[in-house]
Structures are given as structure tokens and as C-alpha cells.
């Protein structure tokens, strides 16, 4: 039986039952996205450009809606090295494998971030551009990426800044190679990044299936039900709300983060 007929059979089987609003809302925000509010670091760097830590995501697409301030997104992808201007109202997004660095030119750059595959970014779908020797050693990478388990904000700020500067050191190496050997630079980086995240993939699949994939599956079932003149899926209607995680802003890779949890 092909996938379409399987979907029809599932829709027919579900037709007599009304969908549970709690279960429907628990699938999360529209499209399986995650949101956070980011105040980009204004810490100066060795190259004179204030901003955050260069990194890439291996499975998730990220988007920005610029709220205040101005800056640039410095990136490296299969298209090479690029800079994209950021200004209030700008909407920018980039796909997995794009190395990105936020530059805060105005000092007050603030962004609403949208991440696909809600739950995966929080479970480690980000790899910092540390120097190659650190990226190649999972234990050294984990130690360099972790922030100390402390409530001391000054200590956390110092650790986040040191992590940022280490990622910038690796970014400088990566950029220099990419200018003459883009394919080689990306191949080395992607191989190392894949090794860093490999132990997490089983957990990621479970998170994706429970959230983003379930939304896609629900849309497919809804279309099948509606095509058969059934309205069962509409009885899963309701309004959901979530509050930011307690504890205030967090020390993120690119700035101070206000984070909303996944719906549950």
C-alpha cells in the first residue's frame, strides 16, 4: 500500500473521533519552531567587530527578525563568505551548515530568533568554530563549549566571552582557508561537526518525531479528513500559551537570551 492510501486509511479510522485539544496544542508552536529573544553581545573582538560566537547548526534552519539596532550577519556557506545587513524589520534565515556570526554595529542589536525543529537546538544542534585541533577532540570540544555550573554572573560572563573568543580564533583559521579552498574548508568543518553531534542523533530523532514531525503528520491527516468531508481534526482546536523559562536572561553563544520552552 502506498503512502497516500495509508494516509487515507488512517484518516478514515480517525474520522469518528474528535482530536484531543491538549494533545494538539502539545505539538508546539506553528511549524515546530522555537523562539527566543536575543540581545547580541557588544563585547569587542580582536578584529574590532563587537558580537557573538561563530557557529553552525547541523540539522536546523535559523531565522532572525531584527527588532532594534543595526549590524551584520557574517556567514560562510557553500556560497562562500558573505555579509548580510541587519536593521529593524529585516527578516533573514539560513540553512544547516551555514557558519554564522552576528556583528553588533550599533551596540543595541536585538533579534527575535526562530529555530526549526524545536528541541534540537536546545539538545546540542550547534557546533562552535573552535580551532581544528579542538574540534577534532570530542572531550576538548565539550570542555571548551560548556559554561560553568554557577550562579555567579560575572564568572558566567567571563566564560561566555572566553568561549566566544576561542570560536573567533577558529573562525579566523576557517575564513583564511575558505578564501583559497572553500570546498576543503567546508569538508573539514562538516566532518568534524558531524562527529561532535553523532552521539546525540538518537535523542534528536525522538524529539523531532514528537514535535515537528507530528505537526507535519497532523496536517497530512487533516487534509485527508477534510477531503473525505470529516471535521474531526478541527475539534482539536484551542489556544496555548507559554511563559519564558525562569531565571531571566541566559548567556548564549551570540548574546543574552530570553528563552521560551517547548509546548508540553
C-alpha atoms as a PDB file:
ATOM      1  CA  UNK A   1       0.000   0.000   0.000  1.00  0.00           C
ATOM      2  CA  UNK A   2       1.440   3.384  -0.909  1.00  0.00           C
ATOM      3  CA  UNK A   3       1.824   6.303   1.473  1.00  0.00           C
ATOM      4  CA  UNK A   4      -1.234   8.145   0.172  1.00  0.00           C
ATOM      5  CA  UNK A   5      -3.571   5.226   0.708  1.00  0.00           C
ATOM      6  CA  UNK A   6      -2.076   4.664   4.141  1.00  0.00           C
ATOM      7  CA  UNK A   7      -2.891   8.295   4.964  1.00  0.00           C
ATOM      8  CA  UNK A   8      -6.468   7.868   3.715  1.00  0.00           C
ATOM      9  CA  UNK A   9      -6.926   4.726   5.786  1.00  0.00           C
ATOM     10  CA  UNK A  10      -5.598   6.499   8.864  1.00  0.00           C
ATOM     11  CA  UNK A  11      -7.921   9.445   8.246  1.00  0.00           C
ATOM     12  CA  UNK A  12     -10.917   7.170   7.837  1.00  0.00           C
ATOM     13  CA  UNK A  13     -10.052   5.381  11.048  1.00  0.00           C
ATOM     14  CA  UNK A  14      -9.726   8.693  12.896  1.00  0.00           C
ATOM     15  CA  UNK A  15     -12.875  10.240  11.478  1.00  0.00           C
ATOM     16  CA  UNK A  16     -15.326   9.167  14.193  1.00  0.00           C
ATOM     17  CA  UNK A  17     -13.134  10.533  16.989  1.00  0.00           C
ATOM     18  CA  UNK A  18     -12.580  14.187  17.817  1.00  0.00           C
ATOM     19  CA  UNK A  19      -8.962  15.150  18.310  1.00  0.00           C
ATOM     20  CA  UNK A  20      -7.779  15.933  21.829  1.00  0.00           C
ATOM     21  CA  UNK A  21      -7.087  19.706  22.162  1.00  0.00           C
ATOM     22  CA  UNK A  22      -4.374  19.132  24.784  1.00  0.00           C
ATOM     23  CA  UNK A  23      -2.542  16.689  22.546  1.00  0.00           C
ATOM     24  CA  UNK A  24      -2.900  19.002  19.561  1.00  0.00           C
ATOM     25  CA  UNK A  25      -1.504  22.017  21.430  1.00  0.00           C
ATOM     26  CA  UNK A  26       1.336  19.925  22.865  1.00  0.00           C
ATOM     27  CA  UNK A  27       2.777  19.575  19.377  1.00  0.00           C
ATOM     28  CA  UNK A  28       4.176  23.067  19.860  1.00  0.00           C
ATOM     29  CA  UNK A  29       4.311  26.403  18.076  1.00  0.00           C
ATOM     30  CA  UNK A  30       3.342  26.645  14.395  1.00  0.00           C
ATOM     31  CA  UNK A  31       5.601  24.675  12.104  1.00  0.00           C
ATOM     32  CA  UNK A  32       7.502  23.120  15.001  1.00  0.00           C
ATOM     33  CA  UNK A  33       9.565  26.267  15.579  1.00  0.00           C
ATOM     34  CA  UNK A  34      11.263  27.525  18.722  1.00  0.00           C
ATOM     35  CA  UNK A  35      11.544  31.215  19.598  1.00  0.00           C
ATOM     36  CA  UNK A  36      13.947  33.229  21.709  1.00  0.00           C
ATOM     37  CA  UNK A  37      14.829  36.880  22.144  1.00  0.00           C
ATOM     38  CA  UNK A  38      18.492  37.769  21.690  1.00  0.00           C
ATOM     39  CA  UNK A  39      20.415  40.836  22.809  1.00  0.00           C
ATOM     40  CA  UNK A  40      23.610  40.468  20.811  1.00  0.00           C
ATOM     41  CA  UNK A  41      26.853  40.855  22.752  1.00  0.00           C
ATOM     42  CA  UNK A  42      28.534  44.235  22.404  1.00  0.00           C
ATOM     43  CA  UNK A  43      31.876  42.850  23.546  1.00  0.00           C
ATOM     44  CA  UNK A  44      34.714  43.986  21.253  1.00  0.00           C
ATOM     45  CA  UNK A  45      36.830  41.400  19.483  1.00  0.00           C
ATOM     46  CA  UNK A  46      40.389  41.073  18.212  1.00  0.00           C
ATOM     47  CA  UNK A  47      39.240  42.176  14.748  1.00  0.00           C
ATOM     48  CA  UNK A  48      37.445  45.216  16.157  1.00  0.00           C
ATOM     49  CA  UNK A  49      33.920  43.935  15.479  1.00  0.00           C
ATOM     50  CA  UNK A  50      31.644  43.510  18.502  1.00  0.00           C
ATOM     51  CA  UNK A  51      29.359  40.499  18.516  1.00  0.00           C
ATOM     52  CA  UNK A  52      28.776  36.833  19.154  1.00  0.00           C
ATOM     53  CA  UNK A  53      30.309  33.409  18.634  1.00  0.00           C
ATOM     54  CA  UNK A  54      30.581  31.933  15.127  1.00  0.00           C
ATOM     55  CA  UNK A  55      28.869  28.548  14.887  1.00  0.00           C
ATOM     56  CA  UNK A  56      26.728  26.364  12.644  1.00  0.00           C
ATOM     57  CA  UNK A  57      23.669  24.164  13.065  1.00  0.00           C
ATOM     58  CA  UNK A  58      23.786  20.665  11.644  1.00  0.00           C
ATOM     59  CA  UNK A  59      20.051  19.916  11.322  1.00  0.00           C
ATOM     60  CA  UNK A  60      18.043  23.102  11.888  1.00  0.00           C
ATOM     61  CA  UNK A  61      17.287  26.248   9.911  1.00  0.00           C
ATOM     62  CA  UNK A  62      17.517  29.519  11.838  1.00  0.00           C
ATOM     63  CA  UNK A  63      15.737  32.802  11.154  1.00  0.00           C
ATOM     64  CA  UNK A  64      16.037  36.333  12.510  1.00  0.00           C
ATOM     65  CA  UNK A  65      13.511  39.129  12.833  1.00  0.00           C
ATOM     66  CA  UNK A  66      15.506  42.231  13.746  1.00  0.00           C
ATOM     67  CA  UNK A  67      13.760  44.247  16.469  1.00  0.00           C
ATOM     68  CA  UNK A  68      16.166  47.083  17.247  1.00  0.00           C
ATOM     69  CA  UNK A  69      19.651  48.216  16.343  1.00  0.00           C
ATOM     70  CA  UNK A  70      21.819  47.504  13.344  1.00  0.00           C
ATOM     71  CA  UNK A  71      24.518  45.027  12.475  1.00  0.00           C
ATOM     72  CA  UNK A  72      25.594  42.356  10.067  1.00  0.00           C
ATOM     73  CA  UNK A  73      25.412  38.598   9.692  1.00  0.00           C
ATOM     74  CA  UNK A  74      28.828  37.322   8.647  1.00  0.00           C
ATOM     75  CA  UNK A  75      28.480  33.863   7.132  1.00  0.00           C
ATOM     76  CA  UNK A  76      30.293  31.061   5.383  1.00  0.00           C
ATOM     77  CA  UNK A  77      28.353  28.518   3.345  1.00  0.00           C
ATOM     78  CA  UNK A  78      28.502  26.724   0.028  1.00  0.00           C
ATOM     79  CA  UNK A  79      28.053  30.231  -1.459  1.00  0.00           C
ATOM     80  CA  UNK A  80      31.290  31.365   0.140  1.00  0.00           C
ATOM     81  CA  UNK A  81      31.885  34.228   2.550  1.00  0.00           C
ATOM     82  CA  UNK A  82      29.063  36.776   2.765  1.00  0.00           C
ATOM     83  CA  UNK A  83      27.825  39.673   4.875  1.00  0.00           C
ATOM     84  CA  UNK A  84      24.123  40.416   5.219  1.00  0.00           C
ATOM     85  CA  UNK A  85      22.989  43.764   6.677  1.00  0.00           C
ATOM     86  CA  UNK A  86      20.695  43.702   9.701  1.00  0.00           C
ATOM     87  CA  UNK A  87      18.297  46.540  10.522  1.00  0.00           C
ATOM     88  CA  UNK A  88      14.901  46.890  12.245  1.00  0.00           C
ATOM     89  CA  UNK A  89      12.308  44.884  10.350  1.00  0.00           C
ATOM     90  CA  UNK A  90      14.817  42.775   8.433  1.00  0.00           C
ATOM     91  CA  UNK A  91      13.984  39.070   8.173  1.00  0.00           C
ATOM     92  CA  UNK A  92      16.936  36.771   7.461  1.00  0.00           C
ATOM     93  CA  UNK A  93      17.282  32.996   7.562  1.00  0.00           C
ATOM     94  CA  UNK A  94      19.915  30.399   6.772  1.00  0.00           C
ATOM     95  CA  UNK A  95      20.037  26.647   6.369  1.00  0.00           C
ATOM     96  CA  UNK A  96      22.003  23.937   8.232  1.00  0.00           C
ATOM     97  CA  UNK A  97      25.730  24.054   7.577  1.00  0.00           C
ATOM     98  CA  UNK A  98      25.861  27.853   7.337  1.00  0.00           C
ATOM     99  CA  UNK A  99      28.517  29.195   9.695  1.00  0.00           C
ATOM    100  CA  UNK A 100      27.207  32.472  11.074  1.00  0.00           C
ATOM    101  CA  UNK A 101      28.468  35.274  13.263  1.00  0.00           C
ATOM    102  CA  UNK A 102      26.418  38.225  14.486  1.00  0.00           C
ATOM    103  CA  UNK A 103      28.138  41.615  14.407  1.00  0.00           C
ATOM    104  CA  UNK A 104      26.615  44.339  16.598  1.00  0.00           C
ATOM    105  CA  UNK A 105      27.493  47.653  14.948  1.00  0.00           C
ATOM    106  CA  UNK A 106      25.038  49.895  16.833  1.00  0.00           C
ATOM    107  CA  UNK A 107      25.618  48.394  20.275  1.00  0.00           C
ATOM    108  CA  UNK A 108      21.915  47.660  20.791  1.00  0.00           C
ATOM    109  CA  UNK A 109      21.201  44.942  18.227  1.00  0.00           C
ATOM    110  CA  UNK A 110      18.255  42.859  19.383  1.00  0.00           C
ATOM    111  CA  UNK A 111      16.676  39.996  17.460  1.00  0.00           C
ATOM    112  CA  UNK A 112      13.789  37.565  17.727  1.00  0.00           C
ATOM    113  CA  UNK A 113      15.172  34.214  16.621  1.00  0.00           C
ATOM    114  CA  UNK A 114      13.159  31.404  15.068  1.00  0.00           C
ATOM    115  CA  UNK A 115      14.575  27.882  15.004  1.00  0.00           C
ATOM    116  CA  UNK A 116      13.140  24.950  13.104  1.00  0.00           C
ATOM    117  CA  UNK A 117      12.969  21.544  14.781  1.00  0.00           C
ATOM    118  CA  UNK A 118      12.085  22.862  18.229  1.00  0.00           C
ATOM    119  CA  UNK A 119      14.027  20.940  20.836  1.00  0.00           C
ATOM    120  CA  UNK A 120      17.016  20.084  18.659  1.00  0.00           C
ATOM    121  CA  UNK A 121      18.905  23.386  19.108  1.00  0.00           C
ATOM    122  CA  UNK A 122      18.458  23.069  22.870  1.00  0.00           C
ATOM    123  CA  UNK A 123      19.756  19.490  22.650  1.00  0.00           C
ATOM    124  CA  UNK A 124      23.050  20.482  21.085  1.00  0.00           C
ATOM    125  CA  UNK A 125      22.394  21.236  17.399  1.00  0.00           C
ATOM    126  CA  UNK A 126      25.033  23.950  17.320  1.00  0.00           C
ATOM    127  CA  UNK A 127      28.756  23.491  16.766  1.00  0.00           C
ATOM    128  CA  UNK A 128      31.145  26.330  17.553  1.00  0.00           C
ATOM    129  CA  UNK A 129      34.038  27.087  15.212  1.00  0.00           C
ATOM    130  CA  UNK A 130      36.796  26.289  17.662  1.00  0.00           C
ATOM    131  CA  UNK A 131      40.293  25.733  16.238  1.00  0.00           C
ATOM    132  CA  UNK A 132      40.599  22.487  14.265  1.00  0.00           C
ATOM    133  CA  UNK A 133      42.573  20.611  16.925  1.00  0.00           C
ATOM    134  CA  UNK A 134      39.808  21.219  19.499  1.00  0.00           C
ATOM    135  CA  UNK A 135      37.009  20.355  17.060  1.00  0.00           C
ATOM    136  CA  UNK A 136      38.740  17.060  16.350  1.00  0.00           C
ATOM    137  CA  UNK A 137      38.758  16.041  20.026  1.00  0.00           C
ATOM    138  CA  UNK A 138      35.228  15.481  21.457  1.00  0.00           C
ATOM    139  CA  UNK A 139      36.362  15.801  25.061  1.00  0.00           C
ATOM    140  CA  UNK A 140      38.269  19.031  24.476  1.00  0.00           C
ATOM    141  CA  UNK A 141      35.384  20.399  22.446  1.00  0.00           C
ATOM    142  CA  UNK A 142      32.837  19.601  25.187  1.00  0.00           C
ATOM    143  CA  UNK A 143      35.018  21.229  27.833  1.00  0.00           C
ATOM    144  CA  UNK A 144      35.540  24.365  25.751  1.00  0.00           C
ATOM    145  CA  UNK A 145      31.835  24.687  24.854  1.00  0.00           C
ATOM    146  CA  UNK A 146      30.434  24.258  28.380  1.00  0.00           C
ATOM    147  CA  UNK A 147      29.771  27.145  30.735  1.00  0.00           C
ATOM    148  CA  UNK A 148      30.474  26.673  34.455  1.00  0.00           C
ATOM    149  CA  UNK A 149      27.678  25.458  36.722  1.00  0.00           C
ATOM    150  CA  UNK A 150      27.486  28.605  38.812  1.00  0.00           C
ATOM    151  CA  UNK A 151      25.058  31.401  39.578  1.00  0.00           C
ATOM    152  CA  UNK A 152      27.893  33.953  39.604  1.00  0.00           C
ATOM    153  CA  UNK A 153      27.021  36.213  36.665  1.00  0.00           C
ATOM    154  CA  UNK A 154      30.491  37.721  36.403  1.00  0.00           C
ATOM    155  CA  UNK A 155      32.013  34.257  36.159  1.00  0.00           C
ATOM    156  CA  UNK A 156      29.458  33.192  33.553  1.00  0.00           C
ATOM    157  CA  UNK A 157      30.054  36.347  31.520  1.00  0.00           C
ATOM    158  CA  UNK A 158      33.815  35.762  31.549  1.00  0.00           C
ATOM    159  CA  UNK A 159      33.348  32.142  30.480  1.00  0.00           C
ATOM    160  CA  UNK A 160      30.921  33.082  27.677  1.00  0.00           C
ATOM    161  CA  UNK A 161      33.343  35.712  26.434  1.00  0.00           C
ATOM    162  CA  UNK A 162      36.309  33.317  26.518  1.00  0.00           C
ATOM    163  CA  UNK A 163      34.220  30.745  24.599  1.00  0.00           C
ATOM    164  CA  UNK A 164      33.326  33.412  22.037  1.00  0.00           C
ATOM    165  CA  UNK A 165      36.960  34.411  21.598  1.00  0.00           C
ATOM    166  CA  UNK A 166      38.052  30.791  21.122  1.00  0.00           C
ATOM    167  CA  UNK A 167      35.374  30.337  18.453  1.00  0.00           C
ATOM    168  CA  UNK A 168      36.617  33.521  16.759  1.00  0.00           C
ATOM    169  CA  UNK A 169      40.164  32.149  16.696  1.00  0.00           C
ATOM    170  CA  UNK A 170      38.915  29.071  14.855  1.00  0.00           C
ATOM    171  CA  UNK A 171      36.735  31.276  12.637  1.00  0.00           C
ATOM    172  CA  UNK A 172      39.794  33.248  11.536  1.00  0.00           C
ATOM    173  CA  UNK A 173      41.526  29.992  10.549  1.00  0.00           C
ATOM    174  CA  UNK A 174      38.420  28.787   8.722  1.00  0.00           C
ATOM    175  CA  UNK A 175      37.955  32.046   6.826  1.00  0.00           C
ATOM    176  CA  UNK A 176      41.574  32.129   5.737  1.00  0.00           C
ATOM    177  CA  UNK A 177      41.316  28.628   4.299  1.00  0.00           C
ATOM    178  CA  UNK A 178      37.928  29.280   2.706  1.00  0.00           C
ATOM    179  CA  UNK A 179      39.300  32.224   0.749  1.00  0.00           C
ATOM    180  CA  UNK A 180      41.522  29.858  -1.267  1.00  0.00           C
ATOM    181  CA  UNK A 181      39.920  26.434  -0.704  1.00  0.00           C
ATOM    182  CA  UNK A 182      36.195  26.737   0.059  1.00  0.00           C
ATOM    183  CA  UNK A 183      35.398  23.073  -0.567  1.00  0.00           C
ATOM    184  CA  UNK A 184      38.271  21.866   1.594  1.00  0.00           C
ATOM    185  CA  UNK A 185      37.405  24.240   4.426  1.00  0.00           C
ATOM    186  CA  UNK A 186      33.767  23.190   4.480  1.00  0.00           C
ATOM    187  CA  UNK A 187      34.567  19.490   4.145  1.00  0.00           C
ATOM    188  CA  UNK A 188      36.895  19.563   7.147  1.00  0.00           C
ATOM    189  CA  UNK A 189      34.448  21.589   9.219  1.00  0.00           C
ATOM    190  CA  UNK A 190      31.411  19.482   8.352  1.00  0.00           C
ATOM    191  CA  UNK A 191      33.235  16.218   9.055  1.00  0.00           C
ATOM    192  CA  UNK A 192      34.287  17.476  12.486  1.00  0.00           C
ATOM    193  CA  UNK A 193      30.814  18.884  13.253  1.00  0.00           C
ATOM    194  CA  UNK A 194      29.125  15.612  12.312  1.00  0.00           C
ATOM    195  CA  UNK A 195      31.404  13.757  14.712  1.00  0.00           C
ATOM    196  CA  UNK A 196      30.595  16.203  17.523  1.00  0.00           C
ATOM    197  CA  UNK A 197      26.819  15.694  17.235  1.00  0.00           C
ATOM    198  CA  UNK A 198      26.791  11.975  16.312  1.00  0.00           C
ATOM    199  CA  UNK A 199      26.180  10.721  19.899  1.00  0.00           C
ATOM    200  CA  UNK A 200      23.018  12.855  20.123  1.00  0.00           C
ATOM    201  CA  UNK A 201      21.251  11.732  16.965  1.00  0.00           C
ATOM    202  CA  UNK A 202      19.007   9.066  18.509  1.00  0.00           C
ATOM    203  CA  UNK A 203      17.722  11.598  21.042  1.00  0.00           C
ATOM    204  CA  UNK A 204      17.247  14.188  18.306  1.00  0.00           C
ATOM    205  CA  UNK A 205      15.125  11.790  16.282  1.00  0.00           C
ATOM    206  CA  UNK A 206      12.823  11.211  19.250  1.00  0.00           C
ATOM    207  CA  UNK A 207      12.467  14.973  19.820  1.00  0.00           C
ATOM    208  CA  UNK A 208      11.759  15.626  16.147  1.00  0.00           C
ATOM    209  CA  UNK A 209       9.197  12.831  15.905  1.00  0.00           C
ATOM    210  CA  UNK A 210       7.311  14.051  18.991  1.00  0.00           C
ATOM    211  CA  UNK A 211       7.172  17.683  17.829  1.00  0.00           C
ATOM    212  CA  UNK A 212       7.926  18.914  14.303  1.00  0.00           C
ATOM    213  CA  UNK A 213       7.214  15.613  12.528  1.00  0.00           C
ATOM    214  CA  UNK A 214       3.970  15.132  14.443  1.00  0.00           C
ATOM    215  CA  UNK A 215       2.796  18.548  13.192  1.00  0.00           C
ATOM    216  CA  UNK A 216       3.511  17.575   9.600  1.00  0.00           C
ATOM    217  CA  UNK A 217       1.769  14.232  10.083  1.00  0.00           C
ATOM    218  CA  UNK A 218      -1.235  16.000  11.638  1.00  0.00           C
ATOM    219  CA  UNK A 219      -1.504  18.342   8.650  1.00  0.00           C
ATOM    220  CA  UNK A 220      -1.456  15.382   6.287  1.00  0.00           C
ATOM    221  CA  UNK A 221      -4.171  13.625   8.281  1.00  0.00           C
ATOM    222  CA  UNK A 222      -6.221  16.820   8.428  1.00  0.00           C
ATOM    223  CA  UNK A 223      -6.118  17.193   4.653  1.00  0.00           C
ATOM    224  CA  UNK A 224      -7.202  13.589   4.230  1.00  0.00           C
ATOM    225  CA  UNK A 225     -10.071  14.044   6.679  1.00  0.00           C
ATOM    226  CA  UNK A 226     -11.267  17.234   5.022  1.00  0.00           C
ATOM    227  CA  UNK A 227     -11.092  15.603   1.610  1.00  0.00           C
ATOM    228  CA  UNK A 228     -13.409  12.929   2.997  1.00  0.00           C
ATOM    229  CA  UNK A 229     -15.724  15.608   4.461  1.00  0.00           C
ATOM    230  CA  UNK A 230     -14.744  14.742   8.042  1.00  0.00           C
ATOM    231  CA  UNK A 231     -14.111  17.551  10.551  1.00  0.00           C
ATOM    232  CA  UNK A 232     -12.693  15.531  13.445  1.00  0.00           C
ATOM    233  CA  UNK A 233      -9.350  17.360  13.373  1.00  0.00           C
ATOM    234  CA  UNK A 234     -10.998  20.744  13.922  1.00  0.00           C
ATOM    235  CA  UNK A 235     -12.181  19.598  17.330  1.00  0.00           C
ATOM    236  CA  UNK A 236      -8.558  19.711  18.456  1.00  0.00           C
ATOM    237  CA  UNK A 237      -8.863  23.495  18.428  1.00  0.00           C
ATOM    238  CA  UNK A 238      -7.727  25.648  21.330  1.00  0.00           C
ATOM    239  CA  UNK A 239      -5.350  28.386  22.487  1.00  0.00           C
ATOM    240  CA  UNK A 240      -1.976  27.643  24.018  1.00  0.00           C
ATOM    241  CA  UNK A 241       0.356  29.904  25.985  1.00  0.00           C
ATOM    242  CA  UNK A 242       3.898  29.543  27.272  1.00  0.00           C
ATOM    243  CA  UNK A 243       5.970  31.757  29.538  1.00  0.00           C
ATOM    244  CA  UNK A 244       9.719  32.372  29.286  1.00  0.00           C
ATOM    245  CA  UNK A 245      11.875  29.959  31.232  1.00  0.00           C
ATOM    246  CA  UNK A 246      12.528  31.208  34.777  1.00  0.00           C
ATOM    247  CA  UNK A 247      15.817  32.741  35.773  1.00  0.00           C
ATOM    248  CA  UNK A 248      15.890  35.670  33.387  1.00  0.00           C
ATOM    249  CA  UNK A 249      18.317  36.052  30.508  1.00  0.00           C
ATOM    250  CA  UNK A 250      20.849  33.341  29.760  1.00  0.00           C
ATOM    251  CA  UNK A 251      24.396  33.548  28.439  1.00  0.00           C
ATOM    252  CA  UNK A 252      24.026  32.300  24.878  1.00  0.00           C
ATOM    253  CA  UNK A 253      26.532  31.833  22.093  1.00  0.00           C
ATOM    254  CA  UNK A 254      25.649  35.141  20.428  1.00  0.00           C
ATOM    255  CA  UNK A 255      24.222  37.211  23.261  1.00  0.00           C
ATOM    256  CA  UNK A 256      21.854  37.360  26.191  1.00  0.00           C
ATOM    257  CA  UNK A 257      18.893  35.067  25.571  1.00  0.00           C
ATOM    258  CA  UNK A 258      15.307  35.083  26.749  1.00  0.00           C
ATOM    259  CA  UNK A 259      14.111  31.556  26.078  1.00  0.00           C
ATOM    260  CA  UNK A 260      10.629  30.093  25.775  1.00  0.00           C
ATOM    261  CA  UNK A 261      10.329  26.333  26.342  1.00  0.00           C
ATOM    262  CA  UNK A 262       8.736  23.849  24.003  1.00  0.00           C
ATOM    263  CA  UNK A 263       5.000  23.406  24.499  1.00  0.00           C
ATOM    264  CA  UNK A 264       4.191  20.331  26.518  1.00  0.00           C
END
